[in-house]
């Protein structure tokens, strides 16, 4: 039993160490704008840490940057229940929705961002731009 616990401890330590190294590499790629490669490494981290909010958030950003808005949305939604960087998350979800020409949805996310950070002038500006695109009637005009 004692040997089993030692082996288990070594295995857990090795996995955690490998994950930290992989995440560090992914962060470097992310910082250097190599988003597609960062997605691959972040995905490897999720294999052993599926609820890592920072990694899920960063994957969402990466997918947005490579214009895969549906995948970005998927990962952003996974972050919501984890309560990670809520103001940034909702703002990013609003930006992502505008990229998909969903201005009504974008306004909802920008409003949520404002609840988290009432002084966010960028969110206020984005709401105004969405309203202009929606026109007087409030319907999507694209």
Protein backbone atom coordinates (compact mmCIF):
# COMPACT_ATOMS: atom_id res chain seq x y z
CA UNK A 1 0.00 0.00 0.00
CA UNK A 2 2.83 2.38 0.86
CA UNK A 3 4.50 1.79 -2.53
CA UNK A 4 1.19 2.42 -4.27
CA UNK A 5 0.82 5.81 -2.56
CA UNK A 6 4.37 6.78 -3.53
CA UNK A 7 3.79 5.81 -7.17
CA UNK A 8 0.46 7.64 -7.17
CA UNK A 9 2.07 10.76 -5.69
CA UNK A 10 4.82 10.72 -8.32
CA UNK A 11 2.27 10.27 -11.08
CA UNK A 12 0.15 13.18 -9.84
CA UNK A 13 3.22 15.40 -9.44
CA UNK A 14 4.47 14.53 -12.93
CA UNK A 15 1.06 15.20 -14.49
CA UNK A 16 0.73 18.56 -12.70
CA UNK A 17 4.26 19.53 -13.67
CA UNK A 18 3.67 18.55 -17.31
CA UNK A 19 0.39 20.51 -17.34
CA UNK A 20 2.10 23.62 -15.96
CA UNK A 21 4.81 23.37 -18.58
CA UNK A 22 2.27 22.87 -21.38
CA UNK A 23 0.19 25.80 -20.15
CA UNK A 24 3.28 28.02 -19.99
CA UNK A 25 4.10 27.14 -23.59
CA UNK A 26 0.50 27.78 -24.63
CA UNK A 27 0.55 31.14 -22.84
CA UNK A 28 3.71 32.11 -24.75
CA UNK A 29 2.10 31.17 -28.07
CA UNK A 30 -1.04 33.10 -27.08
CA UNK A 31 1.01 36.18 -26.16
CA UNK A 32 2.81 35.98 -29.51
CA UNK A 33 -0.40 35.75 -31.52
CA UNK A 34 0.05 32.11 -32.52
CA UNK A 35 -3.49 31.29 -31.58
CA UNK A 36 -4.02 28.05 -33.51
CA UNK A 37 -0.99 26.43 -31.88
CA UNK A 38 -2.01 27.79 -28.48
CA UNK A 39 -5.43 26.15 -28.88
CA UNK A 40 -3.75 22.76 -29.39
CA UNK A 41 -1.66 23.08 -26.22
CA UNK A 42 -4.48 24.51 -24.13
CA UNK A 43 -6.65 21.59 -25.25
CA UNK A 44 -3.98 19.21 -23.93
CA UNK A 45 -4.17 20.95 -20.54
CA UNK A 46 -7.94 20.42 -20.48
CA UNK A 47 -7.48 16.68 -20.75
CA UNK A 48 -6.39 16.59 -17.11
CA UNK A 49 -7.92 19.84 -15.87
CA UNK A 50 -11.24 20.21 -17.69
CA UNK A 51 -12.52 23.02 -15.46
CA UNK A 52 -9.50 25.30 -15.75
CA UNK A 53 -11.34 28.60 -16.23
CA UNK A 54 -8.30 30.52 -17.44
CA UNK A 55 -7.54 27.92 -20.10
CA UNK A 56 -11.18 27.75 -21.24
CA UNK A 57 -11.28 31.57 -21.40
CA UNK A 58 -8.03 31.72 -23.39
CA UNK A 59 -9.24 29.08 -25.83
CA UNK A 60 -12.33 31.21 -26.40
CA UNK A 61 -10.15 34.24 -27.14
CA UNK A 62 -7.95 32.17 -29.46
CA UNK A 63 -10.92 30.91 -31.44
CA UNK A 64 -12.25 34.46 -31.73
CA UNK A 65 -8.87 35.65 -33.02
CA UNK A 66 -8.82 32.97 -35.74
CA UNK A 67 -12.42 33.91 -36.62
CA UNK A 68 -13.96 30.62 -35.48
CA UNK A 69 -16.75 32.41 -33.65
CA UNK A 70 -18.94 29.37 -32.98
CA UNK A 71 -16.10 27.60 -31.17
CA UNK A 72 -15.25 30.80 -29.29
CA UNK A 73 -18.85 31.01 -28.13
CA UNK A 74 -18.79 27.37 -27.03
CA UNK A 75 -15.75 27.92 -24.82
CA UNK A 76 -16.97 31.25 -23.44
CA UNK A 77 -20.21 29.57 -22.32
CA UNK A 78 -18.16 26.97 -20.45
CA UNK A 79 -16.51 29.74 -18.42
CA UNK A 80 -19.73 31.41 -17.21
CA UNK A 81 -20.48 28.99 -14.32
CA UNK A 82 -16.83 29.18 -13.21
CA UNK A 83 -17.16 32.92 -12.40
CA UNK A 84 -13.82 33.77 -13.99
CA UNK A 85 -13.13 37.36 -15.09
CA UNK A 86 -16.84 37.94 -15.59
CA UNK A 87 -16.61 41.51 -16.91
CA UNK A 88 -13.98 40.51 -19.50
CA UNK A 89 -15.85 37.32 -20.33
CA UNK A 90 -19.16 39.07 -21.03
CA UNK A 91 -17.41 41.81 -23.00
CA UNK A 92 -15.63 39.19 -25.12
CA UNK A 93 -18.90 37.33 -25.62
CA UNK A 94 -20.43 40.59 -26.83
CA UNK A 95 -17.59 41.16 -29.29
CA UNK A 96 -17.90 37.58 -30.47
CA UNK A 97 -21.66 38.02 -30.99
CA UNK A 98 -21.07 41.17 -33.07
CA UNK A 99 -18.65 39.20 -35.23
CA UNK A 100 -21.52 36.78 -35.91
CA UNK A 101 -23.87 39.72 -36.71
CA UNK A 102 -25.94 39.00 -33.59
CA UNK A 103 -26.20 42.55 -32.30
CA UNK A 104 -29.21 41.92 -30.05
CA UNK A 105 -27.34 39.15 -28.28
CA UNK A 106 -24.20 41.30 -28.17
CA UNK A 107 -26.12 44.04 -26.34
CA UNK A 108 -27.20 41.50 -23.71
CA UNK A 109 -23.59 40.49 -23.11
CA UNK A 110 -22.33 44.08 -23.04
CA UNK A 111 -25.04 44.89 -20.49
CA UNK A 112 -23.84 41.98 -18.34
CA UNK A 113 -20.29 43.30 -18.67
CA UNK A 114 -21.54 46.67 -17.41
CA UNK A 115 -23.18 45.03 -14.41
CA UNK A 116 -19.78 43.61 -13.51
CA UNK A 117 -17.90 46.83 -14.38
CA UNK A 118 -20.23 49.86 -14.56
CA UNK A 119 -17.42 52.16 -15.73
CA UNK A 120 -16.57 50.15 -18.84
CA UNK A 121 -16.68 52.84 -21.54
CA UNK A 122 -15.83 50.28 -24.23
CA UNK A 123 -18.95 48.26 -23.40
CA UNK A 124 -21.06 51.44 -23.50
CA UNK A 125 -19.57 52.31 -26.90
CA UNK A 126 -20.20 48.81 -28.25
CA UNK A 127 -23.84 48.95 -27.11
CA UNK A 128 -24.28 52.24 -28.97
CA UNK A 129 -22.73 50.77 -32.12
CA UNK A 130 -24.99 47.71 -31.91
CA UNK A 131 -28.05 49.93 -31.55
CA UNK A 132 -27.03 51.92 -34.64
CA UNK A 133 -26.64 48.71 -36.63
CA UNK A 134 -30.00 47.46 -35.37
CA UNK A 135 -31.71 50.62 -36.56
CA UNK A 136 -34.74 52.31 -35.09
CA UNK A 137 -36.89 49.19 -34.94
CA UNK A 138 -34.42 47.14 -32.91
CA UNK A 139 -34.25 44.33 -35.49
CA UNK A 140 -31.10 42.98 -37.07
CA UNK A 141 -30.73 44.76 -40.43
CA UNK A 142 -27.89 42.73 -41.94
